[in-house]
């Protein structure tokens, strides 16, 4: 997932960009209380499969996570987009440049002929980020991003933000620039940890200089009139189920809730996006991926009444990308 590629990105970022340490969080700039821990509880992979859509919808209706993003090249997009439009869901685009499963594949929205460097011999997107880096140009990446945004808009779906499937858009500086410029061009918020980055820096062992570089990119987005994240929590997909733990719903839920509670308590004040993969797995999901138990555990955790109570008792504020953009527009209006 994305955290696997952030370190590569920062190691490749152009030199000479620097900012002094921020004395205020982006949450404070948007009007949240000074010491508030503001969370976007976000569910990736909408549209990937019927099971993915079902888990996301169930959490939106019964759980605590309120944000999602759609993989526009995937087959179950019409199903989830209809739901998004009918219920005004906070939903962005999970910009998709890879097709990672063995037998369940998808091709680029722009078409294989338009972006040949993004496709393998089957005409589908490459399965690995490294393959995209090796074969695709930044121009092809930009063309596919535009195609995915255009497809969403044709469906009447205006995304609340942009983020990156498997972190592909964080794999090179050129890809990252394309990603940021797409957000600026369309005036759509972009998922990028550009604030204090306390949690992600601890997980990735970032240096002060590397954090300054991320903050420079955050400033670029803020100056373009877009909201910016203070931090990113993207570790849950790598939490391995203990080998001796039964995989029934009760054990999965308890194990997952405990991990979320532990790691959320480590967060500093500011806006943190917490990424997860909520899936209501059927017998068919195992034909796609062996990650079904992890994804079902995410869904069960977000549905857990005890986890909702934990968030309330510890004063976490749950927000959405839509609210962040509304607050950013209000800040801009107040400065006129």
C-alpha atoms as a PDB file:
ATOM      1  CA  UNK A   1       0.000   0.000   0.000  1.00  0.00           C
ATOM      2  CA  UNK A   2       0.976   3.644  -0.032  1.00  0.00           C
ATOM      3  CA  UNK A   3       3.372   3.587   2.903  1.00  0.00           C
ATOM      4  CA  UNK A   4       5.588   1.177   0.978  1.00  0.00           C
ATOM      5  CA  UNK A   5       6.321   3.889  -1.580  1.00  0.00           C
ATOM      6  CA  UNK A   6       6.464   7.083   0.485  1.00  0.00           C
ATOM      7  CA  UNK A   7      10.078   6.461   1.432  1.00  0.00           C
ATOM      8  CA  UNK A   8      11.033   5.935  -2.217  1.00  0.00           C
ATOM      9  CA  UNK A   9       9.294   9.158  -3.147  1.00  0.00           C
ATOM     10  CA  UNK A  10      11.007  11.227  -0.480  1.00  0.00           C
ATOM     11  CA  UNK A  11      14.376   9.826  -1.429  1.00  0.00           C
ATOM     12  CA  UNK A  12      13.782  10.973  -5.018  1.00  0.00           C
ATOM     13  CA  UNK A  13      12.208  14.362  -4.328  1.00  0.00           C
ATOM     14  CA  UNK A  14      13.975  17.354  -5.754  1.00  0.00           C
ATOM     15  CA  UNK A  15      16.362  19.063  -3.362  1.00  0.00           C
ATOM     16  CA  UNK A  16      16.321  22.655  -2.223  1.00  0.00           C
ATOM     17  CA  UNK A  17      12.678  22.754  -1.114  1.00  0.00           C
ATOM     18  CA  UNK A  18      12.313  23.559   2.542  1.00  0.00           C
ATOM     19  CA  UNK A  19       9.943  25.042   5.081  1.00  0.00           C
ATOM     20  CA  UNK A  20      10.348  25.924   8.705  1.00  0.00           C
ATOM     21  CA  UNK A  21       8.415  23.717  11.109  1.00  0.00           C
ATOM     22  CA  UNK A  22       4.767  24.656  11.260  1.00  0.00           C
ATOM     23  CA  UNK A  23       3.532  26.402  14.370  1.00  0.00           C
ATOM     24  CA  UNK A  24      -0.081  25.512  13.610  1.00  0.00           C
ATOM     25  CA  UNK A  25      -1.877  22.498  12.191  1.00  0.00           C
ATOM     26  CA  UNK A  26      -3.973  22.486   9.047  1.00  0.00           C
ATOM     27  CA  UNK A  27      -6.862  21.477  11.303  1.00  0.00           C
ATOM     28  CA  UNK A  28      -6.504  24.772  13.184  1.00  0.00           C
ATOM     29  CA  UNK A  29      -6.314  26.708   9.909  1.00  0.00           C
ATOM     30  CA  UNK A  30      -9.646  25.144   8.981  1.00  0.00           C
ATOM     31  CA  UNK A  31     -11.246  26.189  12.252  1.00  0.00           C
ATOM     32  CA  UNK A  32     -11.011  23.015  14.325  1.00  0.00           C
ATOM     33  CA  UNK A  33     -10.013  23.351  18.001  1.00  0.00           C
ATOM     34  CA  UNK A  34      -6.290  23.646  18.677  1.00  0.00           C
ATOM     35  CA  UNK A  35      -5.887  20.264  20.367  1.00  0.00           C
ATOM     36  CA  UNK A  36      -8.454  18.342  18.324  1.00  0.00           C
ATOM     37  CA  UNK A  37      -7.590  15.012  16.755  1.00  0.00           C
ATOM     38  CA  UNK A  38      -9.636  15.118  13.570  1.00  0.00           C
ATOM     39  CA  UNK A  39     -10.047  11.878  11.620  1.00  0.00           C
ATOM     40  CA  UNK A  40     -11.113  10.969   8.118  1.00  0.00           C
ATOM     41  CA  UNK A  41     -12.046   7.305   8.529  1.00  0.00           C
ATOM     42  CA  UNK A  42     -11.649   6.258   4.931  1.00  0.00           C
ATOM     43  CA  UNK A  43     -12.495   3.049   3.048  1.00  0.00           C
ATOM     44  CA  UNK A  44     -10.474   2.246  -0.088  1.00  0.00           C
ATOM     45  CA  UNK A  45     -11.425   0.098  -3.092  1.00  0.00           C
ATOM     46  CA  UNK A  46     -15.057   1.038  -3.753  1.00  0.00           C
ATOM     47  CA  UNK A  47     -16.158  -0.423  -7.083  1.00  0.00           C
ATOM     48  CA  UNK A  48     -13.543  -3.175  -7.036  1.00  0.00           C
ATOM     49  CA  UNK A  49     -16.076  -5.931  -6.373  1.00  0.00           C
ATOM     50  CA  UNK A  50     -19.629  -6.446  -5.152  1.00  0.00           C
ATOM     51  CA  UNK A  51     -18.233  -7.589  -1.792  1.00  0.00           C
ATOM     52  CA  UNK A  52     -16.169  -4.387  -1.525  1.00  0.00           C
ATOM     53  CA  UNK A  53     -19.223  -2.259  -2.252  1.00  0.00           C
ATOM     54  CA  UNK A  54     -21.364  -4.227   0.192  1.00  0.00           C
ATOM     55  CA  UNK A  55     -18.924  -3.784   3.069  1.00  0.00           C
ATOM     56  CA  UNK A  56     -18.505  -0.083   2.400  1.00  0.00           C
ATOM     57  CA  UNK A  57     -22.246   0.500   2.175  1.00  0.00           C
ATOM     58  CA  UNK A  58     -22.863  -1.437   5.364  1.00  0.00           C
ATOM     59  CA  UNK A  59     -20.327   0.688   7.264  1.00  0.00           C
ATOM     60  CA  UNK A  60     -21.680   3.926   5.794  1.00  0.00           C
ATOM     61  CA  UNK A  61     -25.152   2.989   7.023  1.00  0.00           C
ATOM     62  CA  UNK A  62     -24.288   1.383  10.371  1.00  0.00           C
ATOM     63  CA  UNK A  63     -20.698   2.190  11.294  1.00  0.00           C
ATOM     64  CA  UNK A  64     -18.342   5.095  11.956  1.00  0.00           C
ATOM     65  CA  UNK A  65     -16.310   5.458   8.735  1.00  0.00           C
ATOM     66  CA  UNK A  66     -17.775   8.128   6.479  1.00  0.00           C
ATOM     67  CA  UNK A  67     -15.424   8.401   3.501  1.00  0.00           C
ATOM     68  CA  UNK A  68     -14.566   6.188   0.539  1.00  0.00           C
ATOM     69  CA  UNK A  69     -12.949   6.324  -2.893  1.00  0.00           C
ATOM     70  CA  UNK A  70     -13.798   4.599  -6.159  1.00  0.00           C
ATOM     71  CA  UNK A  71     -11.578   2.573  -8.507  1.00  0.00           C
ATOM     72  CA  UNK A  72     -12.971   3.818 -11.823  1.00  0.00           C
ATOM     73  CA  UNK A  73     -11.534   1.049 -14.069  1.00  0.00           C
ATOM     74  CA  UNK A  74     -13.257  -1.700 -12.048  1.00  0.00           C
ATOM     75  CA  UNK A  75     -16.469  -3.598 -12.917  1.00  0.00           C
ATOM     76  CA  UNK A  76     -18.648  -2.694  -9.925  1.00  0.00           C
ATOM     77  CA  UNK A  77     -18.311   1.086 -10.333  1.00  0.00           C
ATOM     78  CA  UNK A  78     -21.884   1.676 -11.618  1.00  0.00           C
ATOM     79  CA  UNK A  79     -23.287  -0.020  -8.517  1.00  0.00           C
ATOM     80  CA  UNK A  80     -21.353   2.075  -6.003  1.00  0.00           C
ATOM     81  CA  UNK A  81     -21.641   5.342  -7.953  1.00  0.00           C
ATOM     82  CA  UNK A  82     -25.417   5.010  -8.007  1.00  0.00           C
ATOM     83  CA  UNK A  83     -25.361   4.589  -4.242  1.00  0.00           C
ATOM     84  CA  UNK A  84     -22.980   7.529  -3.817  1.00  0.00           C
ATOM     85  CA  UNK A  85     -25.238   9.819  -5.823  1.00  0.00           C
ATOM     86  CA  UNK A  86     -28.427   8.676  -4.103  1.00  0.00           C
ATOM     87  CA  UNK A  87     -26.962   9.143  -0.605  1.00  0.00           C
ATOM     88  CA  UNK A  88     -24.520  12.027  -1.213  1.00  0.00           C
ATOM     89  CA  UNK A  89     -21.623   9.973   0.114  1.00  0.00           C
ATOM     90  CA  UNK A  90     -18.221  11.561   0.715  1.00  0.00           C
ATOM     91  CA  UNK A  91     -16.431   9.753  -2.096  1.00  0.00           C
ATOM     92  CA  UNK A  92     -13.283  10.453  -4.053  1.00  0.00           C
ATOM     93  CA  UNK A  93     -11.352   8.717  -6.795  1.00  0.00           C
ATOM     94  CA  UNK A  94      -8.953   5.950  -5.835  1.00  0.00           C
ATOM     95  CA  UNK A  95      -6.820   6.685  -8.893  1.00  0.00           C
ATOM     96  CA  UNK A  96      -5.962   3.241 -10.220  1.00  0.00           C
ATOM     97  CA  UNK A  97      -2.879   2.477 -12.320  1.00  0.00           C
ATOM     98  CA  UNK A  98      -2.420  -1.180 -11.340  1.00  0.00           C
ATOM     99  CA  UNK A  99      -4.447  -4.376 -11.579  1.00  0.00           C
ATOM    100  CA  UNK A 100      -2.876  -6.578  -8.949  1.00  0.00           C
ATOM    101  CA  UNK A 101      -4.958  -9.764  -8.733  1.00  0.00           C
ATOM    102  CA  UNK A 102      -4.087 -12.917 -10.682  1.00  0.00           C
ATOM    103  CA  UNK A 103      -7.384 -13.688 -12.417  1.00  0.00           C
ATOM    104  CA  UNK A 104      -9.538 -10.624 -11.668  1.00  0.00           C
ATOM    105  CA  UNK A 105      -8.184  -7.833 -13.875  1.00  0.00           C
ATOM    106  CA  UNK A 106      -9.102  -4.463 -15.341  1.00  0.00           C
ATOM    107  CA  UNK A 107      -7.678  -2.185 -18.005  1.00  0.00           C
ATOM    108  CA  UNK A 108      -7.158   1.573 -18.225  1.00  0.00           C
ATOM    109  CA  UNK A 109     -10.156   3.832 -18.671  1.00  0.00           C
ATOM    110  CA  UNK A 110      -8.300   5.678 -21.446  1.00  0.00           C
ATOM    111  CA  UNK A 111      -7.869   2.402 -23.363  1.00  0.00           C
ATOM    112  CA  UNK A 112      -4.744   0.322 -23.922  1.00  0.00           C
ATOM    113  CA  UNK A 113      -3.991   1.999 -27.250  1.00  0.00           C
ATOM    114  CA  UNK A 114      -3.960   5.443 -25.648  1.00  0.00           C
ATOM    115  CA  UNK A 115      -1.666   4.494 -22.743  1.00  0.00           C
ATOM    116  CA  UNK A 116       0.357   1.437 -23.875  1.00  0.00           C
ATOM    117  CA  UNK A 117       3.010   1.927 -21.211  1.00  0.00           C
ATOM    118  CA  UNK A 118       0.403   1.366 -18.501  1.00  0.00           C
ATOM    119  CA  UNK A 119      -0.647  -2.058 -19.810  1.00  0.00           C
ATOM    120  CA  UNK A 120       0.773  -5.560 -19.857  1.00  0.00           C
ATOM    121  CA  UNK A 121       0.475  -8.161 -22.613  1.00  0.00           C
ATOM    122  CA  UNK A 122      -3.166  -8.833 -21.709  1.00  0.00           C
ATOM    123  CA  UNK A 123      -4.162  -5.184 -22.172  1.00  0.00           C
ATOM    124  CA  UNK A 124      -4.763  -4.808 -18.459  1.00  0.00           C
ATOM    125  CA  UNK A 125      -2.966  -2.477 -16.073  1.00  0.00           C
ATOM    126  CA  UNK A 126       0.331  -3.786 -14.695  1.00  0.00           C
ATOM    127  CA  UNK A 127       0.055  -5.858 -11.498  1.00  0.00           C
ATOM    128  CA  UNK A 128       2.946  -4.133  -9.655  1.00  0.00           C
ATOM    129  CA  UNK A 129       3.930  -0.544  -8.981  1.00  0.00           C
ATOM    130  CA  UNK A 130       7.482  -1.312 -10.100  1.00  0.00           C
ATOM    131  CA  UNK A 131       6.142  -2.333 -13.524  1.00  0.00           C
ATOM    132  CA  UNK A 132       4.338   0.990 -13.878  1.00  0.00           C
ATOM    133  CA  UNK A 133       7.495   2.885 -12.972  1.00  0.00           C
ATOM    134  CA  UNK A 134       9.523   0.833 -15.492  1.00  0.00           C
ATOM    135  CA  UNK A 135       7.131   1.103 -18.423  1.00  0.00           C
ATOM    136  CA  UNK A 136       4.836   4.124 -18.140  1.00  0.00           C
ATOM    137  CA  UNK A 137       5.590   7.786 -18.773  1.00  0.00           C
ATOM    138  CA  UNK A 138       4.285  10.630 -16.656  1.00  0.00           C
ATOM    139  CA  UNK A 139       2.336  11.779 -19.715  1.00  0.00           C
ATOM    140  CA  UNK A 140       0.522   8.429 -19.890  1.00  0.00           C
ATOM    141  CA  UNK A 141      -0.201   8.591 -16.165  1.00  0.00           C
ATOM    142  CA  UNK A 142      -1.638  12.093 -16.612  1.00  0.00           C
ATOM    143  CA  UNK A 143      -3.804  10.910 -19.513  1.00  0.00           C
ATOM    144  CA  UNK A 144      -5.221   8.021 -17.460  1.00  0.00           C
ATOM    145  CA  UNK A 145      -5.916  10.259 -14.463  1.00  0.00           C
ATOM    146  CA  UNK A 146      -7.828  12.647 -16.723  1.00  0.00           C
ATOM    147  CA  UNK A 147      -9.774   9.723 -18.206  1.00  0.00           C
ATOM    148  CA  UNK A 148     -10.784   8.489 -14.742  1.00  0.00           C
ATOM    149  CA  UNK A 149     -11.872  11.968 -13.643  1.00  0.00           C
ATOM    150  CA  UNK A 150     -13.792  12.475 -16.887  1.00  0.00           C
ATOM    151  CA  UNK A 151     -15.554   9.114 -16.528  1.00  0.00           C
ATOM    152  CA  UNK A 152     -16.674  10.028 -13.021  1.00  0.00           C
ATOM    153  CA  UNK A 153     -17.936  13.429 -14.139  1.00  0.00           C
ATOM    154  CA  UNK A 154     -19.861  11.894 -17.059  1.00  0.00           C
ATOM    155  CA  UNK A 155     -21.632   9.702 -14.519  1.00  0.00           C
ATOM    156  CA  UNK A 156     -22.616  12.802 -12.531  1.00  0.00           C
ATOM    157  CA  UNK A 157     -20.123  11.895  -9.820  1.00  0.00           C
ATOM    158  CA  UNK A 158     -17.936  14.810  -8.721  1.00  0.00           C
ATOM    159  CA  UNK A 159     -15.237  13.358  -6.451  1.00  0.00           C
ATOM    160  CA  UNK A 160     -14.583  14.924  -3.060  1.00  0.00           C
ATOM    161  CA  UNK A 161     -10.860  14.113  -3.300  1.00  0.00           C
ATOM    162  CA  UNK A 162      -8.162  12.186  -5.141  1.00  0.00           C
ATOM    163  CA  UNK A 163      -6.017   9.420  -3.676  1.00  0.00           C
ATOM    164  CA  UNK A 164      -3.780   6.676  -5.039  1.00  0.00           C
ATOM    165  CA  UNK A 165      -4.367   2.922  -5.301  1.00  0.00           C
ATOM    166  CA  UNK A 166      -1.295   1.013  -4.086  1.00  0.00           C
ATOM    167  CA  UNK A 167       0.521   4.334  -3.739  1.00  0.00           C
ATOM    168  CA  UNK A 168       1.558   4.273  -7.408  1.00  0.00           C
ATOM    169  CA  UNK A 169       1.350   8.056  -7.722  1.00  0.00           C
ATOM    170  CA  UNK A 170       3.885   8.363  -4.890  1.00  0.00           C
ATOM    171  CA  UNK A 171       6.440   6.147  -6.638  1.00  0.00           C
ATOM    172  CA  UNK A 172       8.316   8.875  -8.564  1.00  0.00           C
ATOM    173  CA  UNK A 173       8.521  12.669  -8.390  1.00  0.00           C
ATOM    174  CA  UNK A 174       7.128  12.903 -11.932  1.00  0.00           C
ATOM    175  CA  UNK A 175       4.066  10.817 -11.056  1.00  0.00           C
ATOM    176  CA  UNK A 176       3.567  12.830  -7.886  1.00  0.00           C
ATOM    177  CA  UNK A 177       3.661  16.123  -9.773  1.00  0.00           C
ATOM    178  CA  UNK A 178       1.036  14.827 -12.200  1.00  0.00           C
ATOM    179  CA  UNK A 179      -1.137  13.803  -9.244  1.00  0.00           C
ATOM    180  CA  UNK A 180      -0.840  17.151  -7.481  1.00  0.00           C
ATOM    181  CA  UNK A 181      -1.389  19.130 -10.663  1.00  0.00           C
ATOM    182  CA  UNK A 182      -4.541  17.136 -11.445  1.00  0.00           C
ATOM    183  CA  UNK A 183      -5.962  18.161  -8.080  1.00  0.00           C
ATOM    184  CA  UNK A 184      -5.004  21.790  -8.594  1.00  0.00           C
ATOM    185  CA  UNK A 185      -6.339  21.843 -12.165  1.00  0.00           C
ATOM    186  CA  UNK A 186      -9.733  20.394 -11.211  1.00  0.00           C
ATOM    187  CA  UNK A 187      -9.746  22.035  -7.771  1.00  0.00           C
ATOM    188  CA  UNK A 188     -10.188  18.665  -6.094  1.00  0.00           C
ATOM    189  CA  UNK A 189      -8.454  17.976  -2.745  1.00  0.00           C
ATOM    190  CA  UNK A 190      -5.498  15.585  -2.920  1.00  0.00           C
ATOM    191  CA  UNK A 191      -4.532  13.014  -0.317  1.00  0.00           C
ATOM    192  CA  UNK A 192      -1.050  14.020   0.793  1.00  0.00           C
ATOM    193  CA  UNK A 193       0.352  14.142   4.339  1.00  0.00           C
ATOM    194  CA  UNK A 194       1.723  17.676   4.306  1.00  0.00           C
ATOM    195  CA  UNK A 195       1.508  18.725   7.963  1.00  0.00           C
ATOM    196  CA  UNK A 196       3.407  17.632  11.051  1.00  0.00           C
ATOM    197  CA  UNK A 197       3.369  13.985   9.883  1.00  0.00           C
ATOM    198  CA  UNK A 198       4.067  12.654  13.377  1.00  0.00           C
ATOM    199  CA  UNK A 199       2.577   9.197  12.874  1.00  0.00           C
ATOM    200  CA  UNK A 200       3.784   8.525   9.345  1.00  0.00           C
ATOM    201  CA  UNK A 201       7.269   9.804  10.152  1.00  0.00           C
ATOM    202  CA  UNK A 202       7.466   7.409  13.097  1.00  0.00           C
ATOM    203  CA  UNK A 203       6.335   4.505  10.946  1.00  0.00           C
ATOM    204  CA  UNK A 204       8.647   5.390   8.046  1.00  0.00           C
ATOM    205  CA  UNK A 205      11.552   6.762  10.137  1.00  0.00           C
ATOM    206  CA  UNK A 206      11.595  10.008   8.171  1.00  0.00           C
ATOM    207  CA  UNK A 207      14.273  12.613   8.773  1.00  0.00           C
ATOM    208  CA  UNK A 208      13.517  16.260   9.484  1.00  0.00           C
ATOM    209  CA  UNK A 209      14.659  17.173   5.965  1.00  0.00           C
ATOM    210  CA  UNK A 210      12.347  14.596   4.417  1.00  0.00           C
ATOM    211  CA  UNK A 211       9.419  15.884   6.450  1.00  0.00           C
ATOM    212  CA  UNK A 212      10.190  19.421   5.256  1.00  0.00           C
ATOM    213  CA  UNK A 213       9.890  18.224   1.685  1.00  0.00           C
ATOM    214  CA  UNK A 214       6.447  16.741   2.327  1.00  0.00           C
ATOM    215  CA  UNK A 215       5.425  19.987   4.020  1.00  0.00           C
ATOM    216  CA  UNK A 216       6.517  21.937   0.954  1.00  0.00           C
ATOM    217  CA  UNK A 217       4.141  19.884  -1.153  1.00  0.00           C
ATOM    218  CA  UNK A 218       1.394  20.468   1.401  1.00  0.00           C
ATOM    219  CA  UNK A 219       1.983  24.215   1.199  1.00  0.00           C
ATOM    220  CA  UNK A 220       1.669  24.008  -2.586  1.00  0.00           C
ATOM    221  CA  UNK A 221      -1.786  22.453  -2.234  1.00  0.00           C
ATOM    222  CA  UNK A 222      -2.870  24.884   0.486  1.00  0.00           C
ATOM    223  CA  UNK A 223      -1.756  27.873  -1.593  1.00  0.00           C
ATOM    224  CA  UNK A 224      -3.848  26.476  -4.461  1.00  0.00           C
ATOM    225  CA  UNK A 225      -6.931  26.680  -2.241  1.00  0.00           C
ATOM    226  CA  UNK A 226      -7.126  23.029  -1.229  1.00  0.00           C
ATOM    227  CA  UNK A 227      -7.214  21.469   2.259  1.00  0.00           C
ATOM    228  CA  UNK A 228      -4.188  19.495   3.463  1.00  0.00           C
ATOM    229  CA  UNK A 229      -3.757  16.537   5.807  1.00  0.00           C
ATOM    230  CA  UNK A 230      -1.600  16.913   8.906  1.00  0.00           C
ATOM    231  CA  UNK A 231      -0.808  13.191   9.021  1.00  0.00           C
ATOM    232  CA  UNK A 232      -1.600   9.790   7.532  1.00  0.00           C
ATOM    233  CA  UNK A 233      -2.440   6.449   9.165  1.00  0.00           C
ATOM    234  CA  UNK A 234      -1.994   3.801   6.493  1.00  0.00           C
ATOM    235  CA  UNK A 235      -0.630   0.811   8.365  1.00  0.00           C
ATOM    236  CA  UNK A 236      -3.702  -1.364   8.832  1.00  0.00           C
ATOM    237  CA  UNK A 237      -3.391  -3.386   5.620  1.00  0.00           C
ATOM    238  CA  UNK A 238      -0.053  -4.678   6.888  1.00  0.00           C
ATOM    239  CA  UNK A 239      -1.366  -5.831  10.263  1.00  0.00           C
ATOM    240  CA  UNK A 240      -0.960  -9.597  10.061  1.00  0.00           C
ATOM    241  CA  UNK A 241      -3.542 -11.884  11.625  1.00  0.00           C
ATOM    242  CA  UNK A 242      -1.868 -13.989  14.348  1.00  0.00           C
ATOM    243  CA  UNK A 243      -1.317 -17.493  13.040  1.00  0.00           C
ATOM    244  CA  UNK A 244      -2.958 -19.111  16.071  1.00  0.00           C
ATOM    245  CA  UNK A 245      -6.029 -16.839  16.136  1.00  0.00           C
ATOM    246  CA  UNK A 246      -9.375 -18.245  14.964  1.00  0.00           C
ATOM    247  CA  UNK A 247     -10.745 -16.336  11.981  1.00  0.00           C
ATOM    248  CA  UNK A 248     -14.353 -16.075  13.052  1.00  0.00           C
ATOM    249  CA  UNK A 249     -16.002 -12.640  13.129  1.00  0.00           C
ATOM    250  CA  UNK A 250     -15.740 -12.167  16.889  1.00  0.00           C
ATOM    251  CA  UNK A 251     -12.007 -12.802  17.040  1.00  0.00           C
ATOM    252  CA  UNK A 252     -11.332 -10.706  13.948  1.00  0.00           C
ATOM    253  CA  UNK A 253     -13.375  -7.794  15.301  1.00  0.00           C
ATOM    254  CA  UNK A 254     -11.762  -7.820  18.746  1.00  0.00           C
ATOM    255  CA  UNK A 255      -8.237  -8.066  17.327  1.00  0.00           C
ATOM    256  CA  UNK A 256      -8.776  -5.285  14.809  1.00  0.00           C
ATOM    257  CA  UNK A 257     -10.519  -2.873  17.192  1.00  0.00           C
ATOM    258  CA  UNK A 258      -7.658  -3.220  19.690  1.00  0.00           C
ATOM    259  CA  UNK A 259      -5.114  -2.290  17.015  1.00  0.00           C
ATOM    260  CA  UNK A 260      -7.095   0.705  15.802  1.00  0.00           C
ATOM    261  CA  UNK A 261      -7.582   1.974  19.337  1.00  0.00           C
ATOM    262  CA  UNK A 262      -3.900   1.561  20.182  1.00  0.00           C
ATOM    263  CA  UNK A 263      -2.630   3.339  17.068  1.00  0.00           C
ATOM    264  CA  UNK A 264      -5.223   6.129  17.102  1.00  0.00           C
ATOM    265  CA  UNK A 265      -4.144   7.020  20.628  1.00  0.00           C
ATOM    266  CA  UNK A 266      -0.652   7.631  19.208  1.00  0.00           C
ATOM    267  CA  UNK A 267      -1.925  10.372  16.883  1.00  0.00           C
ATOM    268  CA  UNK A 268      -1.131  14.023  17.512  1.00  0.00           C
ATOM    269  CA  UNK A 269      -3.643  16.876  17.088  1.00  0.00           C
ATOM    270  CA  UNK A 270      -4.479  17.696  13.487  1.00  0.00           C
ATOM    271  CA  UNK A 271      -6.256  16.075  10.547  1.00  0.00           C
ATOM    272  CA  UNK A 272      -5.296  12.435  10.010  1.00  0.00           C
ATOM    273  CA  UNK A 273      -6.654  10.249   7.235  1.00  0.00           C
ATOM    274  CA  UNK A 274      -7.049   6.657   8.445  1.00  0.00           C
ATOM    275  CA  UNK A 275      -7.121   4.215   5.529  1.00  0.00           C
ATOM    276  CA  UNK A 276      -8.835   0.831   5.669  1.00  0.00           C
ATOM    277  CA  UNK A 277     -10.466  -1.754   3.391  1.00  0.00           C
ATOM    278  CA  UNK A 278     -13.972  -2.690   4.535  1.00  0.00           C
ATOM    279  CA  UNK A 279     -15.334  -5.729   2.704  1.00  0.00           C
ATOM    280  CA  UNK A 280     -18.328  -7.959   3.341  1.00  0.00           C
ATOM    281  CA  UNK A 281     -16.693 -11.097   2.040  1.00  0.00           C
ATOM    282  CA  UNK A 282     -18.691 -13.834   0.351  1.00  0.00           C
ATOM    283  CA  UNK A 283     -17.431 -17.212  -0.812  1.00  0.00           C
ATOM    284  CA  UNK A 284     -16.482 -15.557  -4.103  1.00  0.00           C
ATOM    285  CA  UNK A 285     -14.001 -13.069  -2.680  1.00  0.00           C
ATOM    286  CA  UNK A 286     -11.373 -15.763  -2.126  1.00  0.00           C
ATOM    287  CA  UNK A 287     -11.320 -16.193  -5.922  1.00  0.00           C
ATOM    288  CA  UNK A 288     -10.102 -12.586  -6.162  1.00  0.00           C
ATOM    289  CA  UNK A 289      -7.716 -12.255  -3.219  1.00  0.00           C
ATOM    290  CA  UNK A 290      -6.478 -13.956  -0.072  1.00  0.00           C
ATOM    291  CA  UNK A 291      -6.924 -10.663   1.848  1.00  0.00           C
ATOM    292  CA  UNK A 292     -10.593 -11.294   2.663  1.00  0.00           C
ATOM    293  CA  UNK A 293     -10.149 -11.858   6.400  1.00  0.00           C
ATOM    294  CA  UNK A 294      -8.160  -8.634   6.847  1.00  0.00           C
ATOM    295  CA  UNK A 295     -10.731  -6.671   4.888  1.00  0.00           C
ATOM    296  CA  UNK A 296     -13.652  -8.235   6.746  1.00  0.00           C
ATOM    297  CA  UNK A 297     -11.910  -7.409  10.026  1.00  0.00           C
ATOM    298  CA  UNK A 298     -11.805  -3.740   9.010  1.00  0.00           C
ATOM    299  CA  UNK A 299     -15.527  -3.792   8.323  1.00  0.00           C
ATOM    300  CA  UNK A 300     -16.277  -5.467  11.642  1.00  0.00           C
ATOM    301  CA  UNK A 301     -14.129  -2.948  13.536  1.00  0.00           C
ATOM    302  CA  UNK A 302     -15.906   0.021  11.961  1.00  0.00           C
ATOM    303  CA  UNK A 303     -19.275  -1.518  12.876  1.00  0.00           C
ATOM    304  CA  UNK A 304     -18.297  -2.180  16.490  1.00  0.00           C
ATOM    305  CA  UNK A 305     -20.308  -0.139  19.068  1.00  0.00           C
ATOM    306  CA  UNK A 306     -17.366  -0.242  21.454  1.00  0.00           C
ATOM    307  CA  UNK A 307     -15.113   1.394  18.870  1.00  0.00           C
ATOM    308  CA  UNK A 308     -17.685   4.150  18.326  1.00  0.00           C
ATOM    309  CA  UNK A 309     -17.754   4.720  22.091  1.00  0.00           C
ATOM    310  CA  UNK A 310     -13.941   4.805  22.187  1.00  0.00           C
ATOM    311  CA  UNK A 311     -13.882   7.583  19.580  1.00  0.00           C
ATOM    312  CA  UNK A 312     -16.443   9.583  21.530  1.00  0.00           C
ATOM    313  CA  UNK A 313     -14.812   9.128  24.925  1.00  0.00           C
ATOM    314  CA  UNK A 314     -11.424  10.267  23.645  1.00  0.00           C
ATOM    315  CA  UNK A 315     -12.795  13.286  21.810  1.00  0.00           C
ATOM    316  CA  UNK A 316     -11.906  12.328  18.246  1.00  0.00           C
ATOM    317  CA  UNK A 317     -13.703  14.462  15.661  1.00  0.00           C
ATOM    318  CA  UNK A 318     -14.834  12.552  12.567  1.00  0.00           C
ATOM    319  CA  UNK A 319     -14.838  14.603   9.381  1.00  0.00           C
ATOM    320  CA  UNK A 320     -14.966  14.117   5.603  1.00  0.00           C
ATOM    321  CA  UNK A 321     -13.149  15.485   2.586  1.00  0.00           C
ATOM    322  CA  UNK A 322     -16.329  17.348   1.667  1.00  0.00           C
ATOM    323  CA  UNK A 323     -16.321  19.152   5.003  1.00  0.00           C
ATOM    324  CA  UNK A 324     -12.620  19.957   4.708  1.00  0.00           C
ATOM    325  CA  UNK A 325     -13.155  21.543   1.292  1.00  0.00           C
ATOM    326  CA  UNK A 326     -16.116  23.548   2.591  1.00  0.00           C
ATOM    327  CA  UNK A 327     -13.958  24.824   5.446  1.00  0.00           C
ATOM    328  CA  UNK A 328     -11.114  25.648   3.054  1.00  0.00           C
ATOM    329  CA  UNK A 329     -13.459  27.683   0.856  1.00  0.00           C
ATOM    330  CA  UNK A 330     -14.716  29.502   3.940  1.00  0.00           C
ATOM    331  CA  UNK A 331     -11.149  30.383   4.941  1.00  0.00           C
ATOM    332  CA  UNK A 332     -10.460  31.707   1.451  1.00  0.00           C
ATOM    333  CA  UNK A 333     -13.657  33.802   1.508  1.00  0.00           C
ATOM    334  CA  UNK A 334     -12.756  35.296   4.881  1.00  0.00           C
ATOM    335  CA  UNK A 335      -9.412  36.454   3.487  1.00  0.00           C
ATOM    336  CA  UNK A 336     -10.916  38.424   0.596  1.00  0.00           C
END
